[in-house]
Each structure stands twice: as structure tokens, then as C-alpha cells.
Amino acid sequence: MGRRNRLHREKRKAHALWSQGQLLSLLKDPYRYTPEQRSRFAVHLVKISRRHRIRLPSEVREIVCRTCNTLLRYGDNASIRFRNGHKIQTCFSCNSIRRIPYRQHSMKVEA
């Protein structure tokens, strides 16, 4: 691979990371944008990440449905339950269920 292609690839990846950061900041502001706009930001964020093979930030993985890429708003289009050491997310748009294991922290009481 030539040097020119490598430079273009690095520029594209840097621009994709910048775009990902911008969309993430827009996604985190619930009072400024409508839920429909924020869902659209989430779709664009997932598309950019897939196109440029960049991992999604962990905070986005928790709030975006893996199946339909909609923004999960608990109580509106999704539900969340905690059962048997798992966090169970249900998307009402596509009826997909995601089970995420979690560890319960035992509180130590010292006398």
C-alpha cells in the first residue's frame, strides 16, 4: 500500500472519530433536541462506527438497540428489569431482548 493511501485512511479515521464525538455530545443533550432527533443521531452514530470499523463507546451500547438502532428511552419505547444477576433490556420497536450480566456489590459492614 502506498503512502498516500495510508495518509488518507488515517485522515478518514480521525474525521470519523471526531464525527462520533460530535454525535455523542448531541445525543447526551435530552433537553435541547426532540426524541426523534436524538434517535436519528443514534442511527448516524452506529452507521459511522460500522462504516469506519470504530467501536461504539460503552455508554452508547447501553442506550441503543442492537437490532433496530433506535435510541432506548426507558418507559417510552423500552423497558428495563433486573433479575437473577442480569439487566434485561426490551425494545418495544422490534421486540428484541438483551440480557447484560452485572455483578451485585456486597457491602461490607465493619464494626
PDB file of N, CA and C in Angstrom:
ATOM      1  N   MET A   1       0.844  -1.175   0.000  1.00  0.00           N
ATOM      2  CA  MET A   1       0.000   0.000   0.000  1.00  0.00           C
ATOM      3  C   MET A   1       0.887   1.234   0.000  1.00  0.00           C
ATOM      4  N   GLY A   2       0.512   2.192  -0.809  1.00  0.00           N
ATOM      5  CA  GLY A   2       1.301   3.401  -0.913  1.00  0.00           C
ATOM      6  C   GLY A   2       1.126   4.315   0.274  1.00  0.00           C
ATOM      7  N   ARG A   3       2.021   5.253   0.356  1.00  0.00           N
ATOM      8  CA  ARG A   3       1.997   6.187   1.477  1.00  0.00           C
ATOM      9  C   ARG A   3       0.767   7.083   1.427  1.00  0.00           C
ATOM     10  N   ARG A   4       0.363   7.462   0.233  1.00  0.00           N
ATOM     11  CA  ARG A   4      -0.784   8.358   0.069  1.00  0.00           C
ATOM     12  C   ARG A   4      -2.062   7.711   0.617  1.00  0.00           C
ATOM     13  N   ASN A   5      -2.265   6.436   0.301  1.00  0.00           N
ATOM     14  CA  ASN A   5      -3.467   5.754   0.796  1.00  0.00           C
ATOM     15  C   ASN A   5      -3.482   5.661   2.314  1.00  0.00           C
ATOM     16  N   ARG A   6      -2.316   5.442   2.907  1.00  0.00           N
ATOM     17  CA  ARG A   6      -2.242   5.337   4.357  1.00  0.00           C
ATOM     18  C   ARG A   6      -2.602   6.669   5.012  1.00  0.00           C
ATOM     19  N   LEU A   7      -2.139   7.782   4.412  1.00  0.00           N
ATOM     20  CA  LEU A   7      -2.469   9.100   4.959  1.00  0.00           C
ATOM     21  C   LEU A   7      -3.958   9.378   4.860  1.00  0.00           C
ATOM     22  N   HIS A   8      -4.557   9.001   3.734  1.00  0.00           N
ATOM     23  CA  HIS A   8      -5.994   9.224   3.574  1.00  0.00           C
ATOM     24  C   HIS A   8      -6.787   8.381   4.563  1.00  0.00           C
ATOM     25  N   ARG A   9      -6.336   7.144   4.807  1.00  0.00           N
ATOM     26  CA  ARG A   9      -7.037   6.276   5.752  1.00  0.00           C
ATOM     27  C   ARG A   9      -6.985   6.868   7.151  1.00  0.00           C
ATOM     28  N   GLU A  10      -5.836   7.392   7.549  1.00  0.00           N
ATOM     29  CA  GLU A  10      -5.706   7.985   8.878  1.00  0.00           C
ATOM     30  C   GLU A  10      -6.567   9.239   9.010  1.00  0.00           C
ATOM     31  N   LYS A  11      -6.636  10.036   7.935  1.00  0.00           N
ATOM     32  CA  LYS A  11      -7.491  11.229   7.971  1.00  0.00           C
ATOM     33  C   LYS A  11      -8.962  10.851   8.082  1.00  0.00           C
ATOM     34  N   ARG A  12      -9.363   9.830   7.316  1.00  0.00           N
ATOM     35  CA  ARG A  12     -10.755   9.387   7.371  1.00  0.00           C
ATOM     36  C   ARG A  12     -11.116   8.878   8.758  1.00  0.00           C
ATOM     37  N   LYS A  13     -10.211   8.111   9.350  1.00  0.00           N
ATOM     38  CA  LYS A  13     -10.481   7.578  10.680  1.00  0.00           C
ATOM     39  C   LYS A  13     -10.537   8.703  11.719  1.00  0.00           C
ATOM     40  N   ALA A  14      -9.631   9.666  11.600  1.00  0.00           N
ATOM     41  CA  ALA A  14      -9.649  10.801  12.534  1.00  0.00           C
ATOM     42  C   ALA A  14     -10.941  11.595  12.383  1.00  0.00           C
ATOM     43  N   HIS A  15     -11.382  11.795  11.158  1.00  0.00           N
ATOM     44  CA  HIS A  15     -12.625  12.535  10.933  1.00  0.00           C
ATOM     45  C   HIS A  15     -13.820  11.742  11.462  1.00  0.00           C
ATOM     46  N   ALA A  16     -13.797  10.422  11.294  1.00  0.00           N
ATOM     47  CA  ALA A  16     -14.888   9.590  11.803  1.00  0.00           C
ATOM     48  C   ALA A  16     -14.941   9.644  13.330  1.00  0.00           C
ATOM     49  N   LEU A  17     -13.777   9.632  13.984  1.00  0.00           N
ATOM     50  CA  LEU A  17     -13.745   9.742  15.449  1.00  0.00           C
ATOM     51  C   LEU A  17     -14.280  11.095  15.904  1.00  0.00           C
ATOM     52  N   TRP A  18     -13.935  12.153  15.170  1.00  0.00           N
ATOM     53  CA  TRP A  18     -14.440  13.486  15.502  1.00  0.00           C
ATOM     54  C   TRP A  18     -15.959  13.525  15.349  1.00  0.00           C
ATOM     55  N   SER A  19     -16.465  12.957  14.235  1.00  0.00           N
ATOM     56  CA  SER A  19     -17.911  12.923  14.000  1.00  0.00           C
ATOM     57  C   SER A  19     -18.627  12.121  15.074  1.00  0.00           C
ATOM     58  N   GLN A  20     -18.003  11.020  15.474  1.00  0.00           N
ATOM     59  CA  GLN A  20     -18.575  10.189  16.525  1.00  0.00           C
ATOM     60  C   GLN A  20     -18.686  10.984  17.831  1.00  0.00           C
ATOM     61  N   GLY A  21     -17.663  11.749  18.152  1.00  0.00           N
ATOM     62  CA  GLY A  21     -17.690  12.573  19.357  1.00  0.00           C
ATOM     63  C   GLY A  21     -18.755  13.647  19.299  1.00  0.00           C
ATOM     64  N   GLN A  22     -18.904  14.276  18.119  1.00  0.00           N
ATOM     65  CA  GLN A  22     -19.930  15.310  17.967  1.00  0.00           C
ATOM     66  C   GLN A  22     -21.332  14.734  18.127  1.00  0.00           C
ATOM     67  N   LEU A  23     -21.577  13.586  17.485  1.00  0.00           N
ATOM     68  CA  LEU A  23     -22.894  12.961  17.597  1.00  0.00           C
ATOM     69  C   LEU A  23     -23.171  12.506  19.023  1.00  0.00           C
ATOM     70  N   LEU A  24     -22.143  12.045  19.706  1.00  0.00           N
ATOM     71  CA  LEU A  24     -22.310  11.620  21.096  1.00  0.00           C
ATOM     72  C   LEU A  24     -22.676  12.800  21.983  1.00  0.00           C
ATOM     73  N   SER A  25     -22.066  13.954  21.739  1.00  0.00           N
ATOM     74  CA  SER A  25     -22.413  15.134  22.540  1.00  0.00           C
ATOM     75  C   SER A  25     -23.843  15.591  22.251  1.00  0.00           C
ATOM     76  N   LEU A  26     -24.291  15.472  21.000  1.00  0.00           N
ATOM     77  CA  LEU A  26     -25.677  15.815  20.672  1.00  0.00           C
ATOM     78  C   LEU A  26     -26.650  14.818  21.301  1.00  0.00           C
ATOM     79  N   LEU A  27     -26.243  13.568  21.351  1.00  0.00           N
ATOM     80  CA  LEU A  27     -27.093  12.520  21.898  1.00  0.00           C
ATOM     81  C   LEU A  27     -27.281  12.664  23.405  1.00  0.00           C
ATOM     82  N   LYS A  28     -26.292  13.212  24.081  1.00  0.00           N
ATOM     83  CA  LYS A  28     -26.335  13.344  25.538  1.00  0.00           C
ATOM     84  C   LYS A  28     -27.172  14.525  26.014  1.00  0.00           C
ATOM     85  N   ASP A  29     -27.639  15.373  25.111  1.00  0.00           N
ATOM     86  CA  ASP A  29     -28.376  16.578  25.490  1.00  0.00           C
ATOM     87  C   ASP A  29     -29.872  16.363  25.259  1.00  0.00           C
ATOM     88  N   PRO A  30     -30.605  15.824  26.243  1.00  0.00           N
ATOM     89  CA  PRO A  30     -32.011  15.484  26.005  1.00  0.00           C
ATOM     90  C   PRO A  30     -32.958  16.683  25.998  1.00  0.00           C
ATOM     91  N   TYR A  31     -32.553  17.787  26.577  1.00  0.00           N
ATOM     92  CA  TYR A  31     -33.463  18.927  26.680  1.00  0.00           C
ATOM     93  C   TYR A  31     -33.434  19.811  25.445  1.00  0.00           C
ATOM     94  N   ARG A  32     -32.402  19.718  24.664  1.00  0.00           N
ATOM     95  CA  ARG A  32     -32.239  20.601  23.512  1.00  0.00           C
ATOM     96  C   ARG A  32     -32.839  20.015  22.237  1.00  0.00           C
ATOM     97  N   TYR A  33     -32.913  18.677  22.167  1.00  0.00           N
ATOM     98  CA  TYR A  33     -33.378  18.015  20.951  1.00  0.00           C
ATOM     99  C   TYR A  33     -34.559  17.115  21.263  1.00  0.00           C
ATOM    100  N   THR A  34     -35.418  16.925  20.268  1.00  0.00           N
ATOM    101  CA  THR A  34     -36.585  16.059  20.439  1.00  0.00           C
ATOM    102  C   THR A  34     -36.136  14.600  20.439  1.00  0.00           C
ATOM    103  N   PRO A  35     -36.959  13.702  20.961  1.00  0.00           N
ATOM    104  CA  PRO A  35     -36.587  12.278  20.945  1.00  0.00           C
ATOM    105  C   PRO A  35     -36.370  11.733  19.527  1.00  0.00           C
ATOM    106  N   GLU A  36     -37.112  12.238  18.550  1.00  0.00           N
ATOM    107  CA  GLU A  36     -36.938  11.786  17.170  1.00  0.00           C
ATOM    108  C   GLU A  36     -35.569  12.198  16.635  1.00  0.00           C
ATOM    109  N   GLN A  37     -35.158  13.425  16.953  1.00  0.00           N
ATOM    110  CA  GLN A  37     -33.836  13.885  16.519  1.00  0.00           C
ATOM    111  C   GLN A  37     -32.742  13.064  17.186  1.00  0.00           C
ATOM    112  N   ARG A  38     -32.895  12.796  18.474  1.00  0.00           N
ATOM    113  CA  ARG A  38     -31.881  12.015  19.182  1.00  0.00           C
ATOM    114  C   ARG A  38     -31.812  10.584  18.657  1.00  0.00           C
ATOM    115  N   SER A  39     -32.958  10.006  18.254  1.00  0.00           N
ATOM    116  CA  SER A  39     -32.943   8.677  17.644  1.00  0.00           C
ATOM    117  C   SER A  39     -32.193   8.709  16.324  1.00  0.00           C
ATOM    118  N   ARG A  40     -32.373   9.762  15.567  1.00  0.00           N
ATOM    119  CA  ARG A  40     -31.668   9.900  14.291  1.00  0.00           C
ATOM    120  C   ARG A  40     -30.162  10.039  14.527  1.00  0.00           C
ATOM    121  N   PHE A  41     -29.772  10.790  15.560  1.00  0.00           N
ATOM    122  CA  PHE A  41     -28.347  10.908  15.905  1.00  0.00           C
ATOM    123  C   PHE A  41     -27.761   9.538  16.242  1.00  0.00           C
ATOM    124  N   ALA A  42     -28.543   8.725  16.951  1.00  0.00           N
ATOM    125  CA  ALA A  42     -28.074   7.386  17.326  1.00  0.00           C
ATOM    126  C   ALA A  42     -27.873   6.512  16.096  1.00  0.00           C
ATOM    127  N   VAL A  43     -28.791   6.603  15.131  1.00  0.00           N
ATOM    128  CA  VAL A  43     -28.659   5.827  13.898  1.00  0.00           C
ATOM    129  C   VAL A  43     -27.402   6.244  13.146  1.00  0.00           C
ATOM    130  N   HIS A  44     -27.172   7.543  13.032  1.00  0.00           N
ATOM    131  CA  HIS A  44     -25.974   8.037  12.341  1.00  0.00           C
ATOM    132  C   HIS A  44     -24.700   7.603  13.064  1.00  0.00           C
ATOM    133  N   LEU A  45     -24.734   7.631  14.375  1.00  0.00           N
ATOM    134  CA  LEU A  45     -23.566   7.229  15.161  1.00  0.00           C
ATOM    135  C   LEU A  45     -23.212   5.766  14.914  1.00  0.00           C
ATOM    136  N   VAL A  46     -24.211   4.906  14.877  1.00  0.00           N
ATOM    137  CA  VAL A  46     -23.976   3.491  14.630  1.00  0.00           C
ATOM    138  C   VAL A  46     -23.477   3.278  13.196  1.00  0.00           C
ATOM    139  N   LYS A  47     -24.054   4.003  12.238  1.00  0.00           N
ATOM    140  CA  LYS A  47     -23.631   3.865  10.842  1.00  0.00           C
ATOM    141  C   LYS A  47     -22.177   4.274  10.649  1.00  0.00           C
ATOM    142  N   ILE A  48     -21.789   5.381  11.247  1.00  0.00           N
ATOM    143  CA  ILE A  48     -20.404   5.841  11.129  1.00  0.00           C
ATOM    144  C   ILE A  48     -19.454   4.834  11.758  1.00  0.00           C
ATOM    145  N   SER A  49     -19.836   4.311  12.910  1.00  0.00           N
ATOM    146  CA  SER A  49     -18.979   3.348  13.597  1.00  0.00           C
ATOM    147  C   SER A  49     -18.806   2.073  12.779  1.00  0.00           C
ATOM    148  N   ARG A  50     -19.857   1.622  12.168  1.00  0.00           N
ATOM    149  CA  ARG A  50     -19.758   0.402  11.354  1.00  0.00           C
ATOM    150  C   ARG A  50     -18.986   0.650  10.069  1.00  0.00           C
ATOM    151  N   ARG A  51     -19.227   1.774   9.434  1.00  0.00           N
ATOM    152  CA  ARG A  51     -18.577   2.062   8.163  1.00  0.00           C
ATOM    153  C   ARG A  51     -17.065   2.171   8.315  1.00  0.00           C
ATOM    154  N   HIS A  52     -16.639   2.788   9.418  1.00  0.00           N
ATOM    155  CA  HIS A  52     -15.204   3.016   9.616  1.00  0.00           C
ATOM    156  C   HIS A  52     -14.574   2.026  10.588  1.00  0.00           C
ATOM    157  N   ARG A  53     -15.342   1.019  10.992  1.00  0.00           N
ATOM    158  CA  ARG A  53     -14.860  -0.028  11.897  1.00  0.00           C
ATOM    159  C   ARG A  53     -14.288   0.546  13.191  1.00  0.00           C
ATOM    160  N   ILE A  54     -15.074   1.410  13.801  1.00  0.00           N
ATOM    161  CA  ILE A  54     -14.708   2.024  15.071  1.00  0.00           C
ATOM    162  C   ILE A  54     -15.679   1.488  16.121  1.00  0.00           C
ATOM    163  N   ARG A  55     -15.160   1.142  17.274  1.00  0.00           N
ATOM    164  CA  ARG A  55     -16.027   0.651  18.348  1.00  0.00           C
ATOM    165  C   ARG A  55     -16.933   1.756  18.856  1.00  0.00           C
ATOM    166  N   LEU A  56     -18.152   1.367  19.193  1.00  0.00           N
ATOM    167  CA  LEU A  56     -19.063   2.310  19.825  1.00  0.00           C
ATOM    168  C   LEU A  56     -18.627   2.529  21.266  1.00  0.00           C
ATOM    169  N   PRO A  57     -18.760   3.739  21.770  1.00  0.00           N
ATOM    170  CA  PRO A  57     -18.475   3.962  23.191  1.00  0.00           C
ATOM    171  C   PRO A  57     -19.425   3.130  24.050  1.00  0.00           C
ATOM    172  N   SER A  58     -18.972   2.744  25.229  1.00  0.00           N
ATOM    173  CA  SER A  58     -19.766   1.857  26.083  1.00  0.00           C
ATOM    174  C   SER A  58     -21.087   2.497  26.502  1.00  0.00           C
ATOM    175  N   GLU A  59     -21.091   3.817  26.662  1.00  0.00           N
ATOM    176  CA  GLU A  59     -22.339   4.479  27.054  1.00  0.00           C
ATOM    177  C   GLU A  59     -23.379   4.424  25.942  1.00  0.00           C
ATOM    178  N   VAL A  60     -22.944   4.363  24.694  1.00  0.00           N
ATOM    179  CA  VAL A  60     -23.881   4.273  23.577  1.00  0.00           C
ATOM    180  C   VAL A  60     -24.407   2.855  23.440  1.00  0.00           C
ATOM    181  N   ARG A  61     -23.578   1.868  23.709  1.00  0.00           N
ATOM    182  CA  ARG A  61     -24.008   0.474  23.609  1.00  0.00           C
ATOM    183  C   ARG A  61     -25.155   0.177  24.566  1.00  0.00           C
ATOM    184  N   GLU A  62     -25.204   0.893  25.671  1.00  0.00           N
ATOM    185  CA  GLU A  62     -26.259   0.667  26.662  1.00  0.00           C
ATOM    186  C   GLU A  62     -27.596   1.292  26.247  1.00  0.00           C
ATOM    187  N   ILE A  63     -27.574   2.351  25.444  1.00  0.00           N
ATOM    188  CA  ILE A  63     -28.807   3.087  25.168  1.00  0.00           C
ATOM    189  C   ILE A  63     -29.299   2.958  23.732  1.00  0.00           C
ATOM    190  N   VAL A  64     -28.621   2.159  22.904  1.00  0.00           N
ATOM    191  CA  VAL A  64     -29.046   1.962  21.523  1.00  0.00           C
ATOM    192  C   VAL A  64     -29.360   0.488  21.320  1.00  0.00           C
ATOM    193  N   CYS A  65     -30.495   0.202  20.701  1.00  0.00           N
ATOM    194  CA  CYS A  65     -30.888  -1.181  20.415  1.00  0.00           C
ATOM    195  C   CYS A  65     -29.965  -1.742  19.345  1.00  0.00           C
ATOM    196  N   ARG A  66     -29.461  -2.939  19.563  1.00  0.00           N
ATOM    197  CA  ARG A  66     -28.555  -3.568  18.601  1.00  0.00           C
ATOM    198  C   ARG A  66     -29.273  -4.016  17.340  1.00  0.00           C
ATOM    199  N   THR A  67     -30.553  -4.308  17.437  1.00  0.00           N
ATOM    200  CA  THR A  67     -31.294  -4.839  16.298  1.00  0.00           C
ATOM    201  C   THR A  67     -31.795  -3.749  15.364  1.00  0.00           C
ATOM    202  N   CYS A  68     -32.474  -2.739  15.922  1.00  0.00           N
ATOM    203  CA  CYS A  68     -33.092  -1.716  15.064  1.00  0.00           C
ATOM    204  C   CYS A  68     -32.421  -0.353  15.159  1.00  0.00           C
ATOM    205  N   ASN A  69     -31.378  -0.210  15.979  1.00  0.00           N
ATOM    206  CA  ASN A  69     -30.593   1.022  16.132  1.00  0.00           C
ATOM    207  C   ASN A  69     -31.402   2.217  16.611  1.00  0.00           C
ATOM    208  N   THR A  70     -32.495   1.984  17.323  1.00  0.00           N
ATOM    209  CA  THR A  70     -33.240   3.107  17.872  1.00  0.00           C
ATOM    210  C   THR A  70     -32.705   3.442  19.259  1.00  0.00           C
ATOM    211  N   LEU A  71     -32.903   4.673  19.649  1.00  0.00           N
ATOM    212  CA  LEU A  71     -32.492   5.128  20.966  1.00  0.00           C
ATOM    213  C   LEU A  71     -33.477   4.593  21.995  1.00  0.00           C
ATOM    214  N   LEU A  72     -32.982   3.901  23.005  1.00  0.00           N
ATOM    215  CA  LEU A  72     -33.854   3.307  24.018  1.00  0.00           C
ATOM    216  C   LEU A  72     -34.188   4.344  25.079  1.00  0.00           C
ATOM    217  N   ARG A  73     -35.463   4.671  25.190  1.00  0.00           N
ATOM    218  CA  ARG A  73     -35.949   5.577  26.223  1.00  0.00           C
ATOM    219  C   ARG A  73     -36.832   4.736  27.141  1.00  0.00           C
ATOM    220  N   TYR A  74     -36.297   4.419  28.310  1.00  0.00           N
ATOM    221  CA  TYR A  74     -36.996   3.524  29.224  1.00  0.00           C
ATOM    222  C   TYR A  74     -38.316   4.141  29.669  1.00  0.00           C
ATOM    223  N   GLY A  75     -39.371   3.364  29.563  1.00  0.00           N
ATOM    224  CA  GLY A  75     -40.706   3.838  29.902  1.00  0.00           C
ATOM    225  C   GLY A  75     -41.459   4.333  28.693  1.00  0.00           C
ATOM    226  N   ASP A  76     -40.771   4.633  27.604  1.00  0.00           N
ATOM    227  CA  ASP A  76     -41.418   5.137  26.399  1.00  0.00           C
ATOM    228  C   ASP A  76     -41.397   4.077  25.297  1.00  0.00           C
ATOM    229  N   ASN A  77     -40.206   3.675  24.868  1.00  0.00           N
ATOM    230  CA  ASN A  77     -40.109   2.659  23.817  1.00  0.00           C
ATOM    231  C   ASN A  77     -39.266   1.462  24.253  1.00  0.00           C
ATOM    232  N   ALA A  78     -38.959   1.373  25.534  1.00  0.00           N
ATOM    233  CA  ALA A  78     -38.158   0.258  26.037  1.00  0.00           C
ATOM    234  C   ALA A  78     -38.440   0.065  27.520  1.00  0.00           C
ATOM    235  N   SER A  79     -38.109  -1.135  27.992  1.00  0.00           N
ATOM    236  CA  SER A  79     -38.224  -1.396  29.422  1.00  0.00           C
ATOM    237  C   SER A  79     -36.930  -2.006  29.910  1.00  0.00           C
ATOM    238  N   ILE A  80     -36.724  -1.916  31.205  1.00  0.00           N
ATOM    239  CA  ILE A  80     -35.525  -2.466  31.819  1.00  0.00           C
ATOM    240  C   ILE A  80     -35.944  -3.169  33.100  1.00  0.00           C
ATOM    241  N   ARG A  81     -35.372  -4.368  33.297  1.00  0.00           N
ATOM    242  CA  ARG A  81     -35.649  -5.135  34.512  1.00  0.00           C
ATOM    243  C   ARG A  81     -34.334  -5.688  35.018  1.00  0.00           C
ATOM    244  N   PHE A  82     -34.274  -5.934  36.296  1.00  0.00           N
ATOM    245  CA  PHE A  82     -33.107  -6.563  36.907  1.00  0.00           C
ATOM    246  C   PHE A  82     -33.585  -7.874  37.510  1.00  0.00           C
ATOM    247  N   ARG A  83     -32.994  -8.982  37.045  1.00  0.00           N
ATOM    248  CA  ARG A  83     -33.441 -10.282  37.510  1.00  0.00           C
ATOM    249  C   ARG A  83     -32.285 -11.286  37.443  1.00  0.00           C
ATOM    250  N   ASN A  84     -32.060 -11.968  38.545  1.00  0.00           N
ATOM    251  CA  ASN A  84     -31.076 -13.050  38.618  1.00  0.00           C
ATOM    252  C   ASN A  84     -29.696 -12.646  38.100  1.00  0.00           C
ATOM    253  N   GLY A  85     -29.235 -11.486  38.486  1.00  0.00           N
ATOM    254  CA  GLY A  85     -27.900 -11.050  38.102  1.00  0.00           C
ATOM    255  C   GLY A  85     -27.791 -10.557  36.674  1.00  0.00           C
ATOM    256  N   HIS A  86     -28.913 -10.295  36.015  1.00  0.00           N
ATOM    257  CA  HIS A  86     -28.905  -9.780  34.653  1.00  0.00           C
ATOM    258  C   HIS A  86     -29.737  -8.508  34.560  1.00  0.00           C
ATOM    259  N   LYS A  87     -29.273  -7.595  33.725  1.00  0.00           N
ATOM    260  CA  LYS A  87     -30.068  -6.432  33.367  1.00  0.00           C
ATOM    261  C   LYS A  87     -30.730  -6.780  32.041  1.00  0.00           C
ATOM    262  N   ILE A  88     -32.045  -6.792  31.998  1.00  0.00           N
ATOM    263  CA  ILE A  88     -32.787  -7.222  30.821  1.00  0.00           C
ATOM    264  C   ILE A  88     -33.421  -6.003  30.165  1.00  0.00           C
ATOM    265  N   GLN A  89     -32.960  -5.687  28.948  1.00  0.00           N
ATOM    266  CA  GLN A  89     -33.495  -4.563  28.185  1.00  0.00           C
ATOM    267  C   GLN A  89     -34.424  -5.113  27.112  1.00  0.00           C
ATOM    268  N   THR A  90     -35.631  -4.547  27.008  1.00  0.00           N
ATOM    269  CA  THR A  90     -36.579  -4.962  25.982  1.00  0.00           C
ATOM    270  C   THR A  90     -36.918  -3.749  25.133  1.00  0.00           C
ATOM    271  N   CYS A  91     -36.704  -3.846  23.835  1.00  0.00           N
ATOM    272  CA  CYS A  91     -37.041  -2.779  22.898  1.00  0.00           C
ATOM    273  C   CYS A  91     -38.449  -3.038  22.383  1.00  0.00           C
ATOM    274  N   PHE A  92     -39.332  -2.047  22.504  1.00  0.00           N
ATOM    275  CA  PHE A  92     -40.699  -2.226  22.050  1.00  0.00           C
ATOM    276  C   PHE A  92     -40.838  -2.014  20.547  1.00  0.00           C
ATOM    277  N   SER A  93     -39.857  -1.411  19.895  1.00  0.00           N
ATOM    278  CA  SER A  93     -39.919  -1.194  18.450  1.00  0.00           C
ATOM    279  C   SER A  93     -39.763  -2.499  17.684  1.00  0.00           C
ATOM    280  N   CYS A  94     -38.789  -3.313  18.098  1.00  0.00           N
ATOM    281  CA  CYS A  94     -38.514  -4.567  17.379  1.00  0.00           C
ATOM    282  C   CYS A  94     -38.700  -5.795  18.261  1.00  0.00           C
ATOM    283  N   ASN A  95     -39.113  -5.610  19.512  1.00  0.00           N
ATOM    284  CA  ASN A  95     -39.331  -6.691  20.480  1.00  0.00           C
ATOM    285  C   ASN A  95     -38.085  -7.528  20.744  1.00  0.00           C
ATOM    286  N   SER A  96     -36.917  -6.927  20.614  1.00  0.00           N
ATOM    287  CA  SER A  96     -35.691  -7.671  20.922  1.00  0.00           C
ATOM    288  C   SER A  96     -35.398  -7.558  22.411  1.00  0.00           C
ATOM    289  N   ILE A  97     -34.808  -8.615  22.944  1.00  0.00           N
ATOM    290  CA  ILE A  97     -34.468  -8.679  24.360  1.00  0.00           C
ATOM    291  C   ILE A  97     -32.968  -8.831  24.466  1.00  0.00           C
ATOM    292  N   ARG A  98     -32.354  -8.045  25.328  1.00  0.00           N
ATOM    293  CA  ARG A  98     -30.912  -8.120  25.533  1.00  0.00           C
ATOM    294  C   ARG A  98     -30.655  -8.324  27.018  1.00  0.00           C
ATOM    295  N   ARG A  99     -29.873  -9.341  27.324  1.00  0.00           N
ATOM    296  CA  ARG A  99     -29.531  -9.645  28.711  1.00  0.00           C
ATOM    297  C   ARG A  99     -28.079  -9.288  28.940  1.00  0.00           C
ATOM    298  N   ILE A 100     -27.843  -8.398  29.895  1.00  0.00           N
ATOM    299  CA  ILE A 100     -26.494  -7.953  30.217  1.00  0.00           C
ATOM    300  C   ILE A 100     -26.191  -8.379  31.643  1.00  0.00           C
ATOM    301  N   PRO A 101     -25.174  -9.212  31.851  1.00  0.00           N
ATOM    302  CA  PRO A 101     -24.860  -9.629  33.219  1.00  0.00           C
ATOM    303  C   PRO A 101     -24.263  -8.476  34.021  1.00  0.00           C
ATOM    304  N   TYR A 102     -24.563  -8.463  35.293  1.00  0.00           N
ATOM    305  CA  TYR A 102     -23.959  -7.488  36.190  1.00  0.00           C
ATOM    306  C   TYR A 102     -23.635  -8.186  37.493  1.00  0.00           C
ATOM    307  N   ARG A 103     -22.711  -7.612  38.200  1.00  0.00           N
ATOM    308  CA  ARG A 103     -22.302  -8.170  39.485  1.00  0.00           C
ATOM    309  C   ARG A 103     -22.890  -7.323  40.589  1.00  0.00           C
ATOM    310  N   GLN A 104     -23.501  -7.964  41.531  1.00  0.00           N
ATOM    311  CA  GLN A 104     -24.021  -7.234  42.678  1.00  0.00           C
ATOM    312  C   GLN A 104     -22.864  -6.989  43.635  1.00  0.00           C
ATOM    313  N   HIS A 105     -22.749  -5.777  44.093  1.00  0.00           N
ATOM    314  CA  HIS A 105     -21.684  -5.436  45.038  1.00  0.00           C
ATOM    315  C   HIS A 105     -22.165  -5.735  46.441  1.00  0.00           C
ATOM    316  N   SER A 106     -21.396  -6.536  47.131  1.00  0.00           N
ATOM    317  CA  SER A 106     -21.765  -6.813  48.505  1.00  0.00           C
ATOM    318  C   SER A 106     -21.148  -5.731  49.393  1.00  0.00           C
ATOM    319  N   MET A 107     -21.961  -5.154  50.229  1.00  0.00           N
ATOM    320  CA  MET A 107     -21.482  -4.082  51.099  1.00  0.00           C
ATOM    321  C   MET A 107     -20.905  -4.697  52.349  1.00  0.00           C
ATOM    322  N   LYS A 108     -19.746  -4.285  52.671  1.00  0.00           N
ATOM    323  CA  LYS A 108     -19.062  -4.810  53.853  1.00  0.00           C
ATOM    324  C   LYS A 108     -19.341  -3.866  55.027  1.00  0.00           C
ATOM    325  N   VAL A 109     -19.834  -4.414  56.085  1.00  0.00           N
ATOM    326  CA  VAL A 109     -20.093  -3.625  57.268  1.00  0.00           C
ATOM    327  C   VAL A 109     -19.021  -3.954  58.295  1.00  0.00           C
ATOM    328  N   GLU A 110     -18.292  -2.937  58.684  1.00  0.00           N
ATOM    329  CA  GLU A 110     -17.246  -3.145  59.658  1.00  0.00           C
ATOM    330  C   GLU A 110     -17.670  -2.548  60.993  1.00  0.00           C
ATOM    331  N   ALA A 111     -17.429  -3.288  62.054  1.00  0.00           N
ATOM    332  CA  ALA A 111     -17.831  -2.802  63.373  1.00  0.00           C
ATOM    333  C   ALA A 111     -16.633  -2.274  64.139  1.00  0.00           C
TER     334      ALA A 111
END
